[in-house]
Amino acid sequence: MSKYEPLWKHLQANESETLKLTYDDIKAVLGFDIDHSFLTCKKEAAQFGYRVGKISMKEKHVTFHKEEQL
């Protein structure tokens, strides 16, 4: 199990087409701050129906987009 799985499950339960979460929102879900390993693990979101869009270091948020189901 990935340390980011609680975040992916949170996205899956939300079902929004686009979801913007602040770093603080993500910390509230995970219980820890995201780090550089997030960049490696972001592809895991696809297993839960989402892809990671923009990661803003300046504004401290991450945008997620729901993947289209075939």
Protein backbone atom coordinates (compact mmCIF):
# COMPACT_ATOMS: atom_id res chain seq x y z
CA MET A 1 0.00 0.00 0.00
CA SER A 2 1.27 3.44 -0.97
CA LYS A 3 1.56 6.10 1.70
CA TYR A 4 -0.60 8.26 -0.60
CA GLU A 5 -3.46 5.75 -0.89
CA PRO A 6 -5.66 7.63 1.63
CA LEU A 7 -5.43 10.67 -0.66
CA TRP A 8 -6.34 8.64 -3.75
CA LYS A 9 -9.33 7.14 -1.92
CA HIS A 10 -10.37 10.64 -0.81
CA LEU A 11 -10.38 11.75 -4.46
CA GLN A 12 -12.33 8.69 -5.51
CA ALA A 13 -15.00 9.34 -2.88
CA ASN A 14 -15.33 13.00 -3.93
CA GLU A 15 -16.24 12.29 -7.57
CA SER A 16 -15.69 15.91 -8.71
CA GLU A 17 -14.48 16.43 -12.28
CA THR A 18 -11.76 18.78 -11.06
CA LEU A 19 -10.61 19.15 -7.50
CA LYS A 20 -8.09 21.67 -6.15
CA LEU A 21 -6.63 20.79 -2.76
CA THR A 22 -4.25 22.97 -0.80
CA TYR A 23 -1.20 21.43 0.80
CA ASP A 24 -3.00 21.84 4.14
CA ASP A 25 -6.05 19.95 2.78
CA ILE A 26 -3.77 17.13 1.67
CA LYS A 27 -2.00 17.09 5.03
CA ALA A 28 -5.40 16.81 6.76
CA VAL A 29 -6.22 13.72 4.67
CA LEU A 30 -2.81 12.06 4.93
CA GLY A 31 -1.61 13.18 8.33
CA PHE A 32 1.70 14.39 6.88
CA ASP A 33 3.01 16.92 4.35
CA ILE A 34 3.57 15.83 0.78
CA ASP A 35 7.22 15.60 -0.22
CA HIS A 36 9.25 14.89 -3.35
CA SER A 37 8.07 11.27 -3.39
CA PHE A 38 4.65 12.63 -4.39
CA LEU A 39 6.07 13.34 -7.85
CA THR A 40 7.00 9.68 -8.25
CA CYS A 41 3.77 8.36 -6.77
CA LYS A 42 1.34 10.72 -8.52
CA LYS A 43 0.78 8.16 -11.30
CA GLU A 44 -0.96 5.94 -8.70
CA ALA A 45 -3.95 8.31 -8.80
CA ALA A 46 -4.96 6.78 -12.15
CA GLN A 47 -5.88 3.52 -10.37
CA PHE A 48 -8.52 5.55 -8.49
CA GLY A 49 -9.85 7.40 -11.53
CA TYR A 50 -7.87 10.65 -11.28
CA ARG A 51 -4.73 12.22 -12.65
CA VAL A 52 -2.61 14.85 -11.02
CA GLY A 53 -2.75 18.14 -12.92
CA LYS A 54 -1.01 21.31 -11.84
CA ILE A 55 1.19 21.29 -8.76
CA SER A 56 1.72 24.87 -7.63
CA MET A 57 4.64 25.30 -5.28
CA LYS A 58 4.03 29.04 -5.08
CA GLU A 59 0.28 28.86 -4.31
CA LYS A 60 0.65 25.58 -2.40
CA HIS A 61 -2.08 23.57 -4.07
CA VAL A 62 -2.52 20.54 -6.31
CA THR A 63 -5.22 20.19 -8.96
CA PHE A 64 -6.65 16.75 -9.72
CA HIS A 65 -8.72 15.81 -12.78
CA LYS A 66 -11.12 12.90 -13.08
CA GLU A 67 -10.14 10.48 -15.82
CA GLU A 68 -12.74 9.61 -18.43
CA GLN A 69 -14.06 6.07 -18.21
CA LEU A 70 -14.06 4.11 -21.47
